[in-house]
């Protein structure tokens, strides 16, 4: 995969915080229509601080102001594949909360990007990606953020106007 299409954040949270996030996510993930589902957790009391930290580190990495559109826990067991898809935002971030050597990364149309547990992958949301099947079957939990750029314009009379660029 072309390295200019993505960024990495390394070793983000302490082991204690990472394990707490895994434990806290258990109550949020539900099976619906044969797909594991989690509602938007952007303001959830157990995840708000970590989500804001991920967004801040992403903004620093890509040198742009960002707004969190939404976030959720993605869960898979390896038995089923989550098909190629993209997102309706400027950037996507996947934080690899619980993975193993076989399922730690994301498949793009032009290649697989390996990402270690406790690291994050940031990429342009128009890129098609998927979670492939993997063996041995083991839990894979990621925290996903959709982020939009905030465009800031300075009007000549000295008033700062912030316009959110939303897709």
Foldseek 3Di string as FASTA:
>chain_A
DPPVFKDKFPLADDPVLLVQVVVVCPVQWDQDPNATDGDFCCPPPSCVVVVVVVQVVVCVVVVFDKDWPTKTKHKDFLPDKFFWDFDQAQKKKKAWSDDDQFQAFKAFPVGTDHDDHSMMMMGGRVTIIIRHRTPPGGMTIIMMIGMHTWDWDADPVGDTDIDTDGD
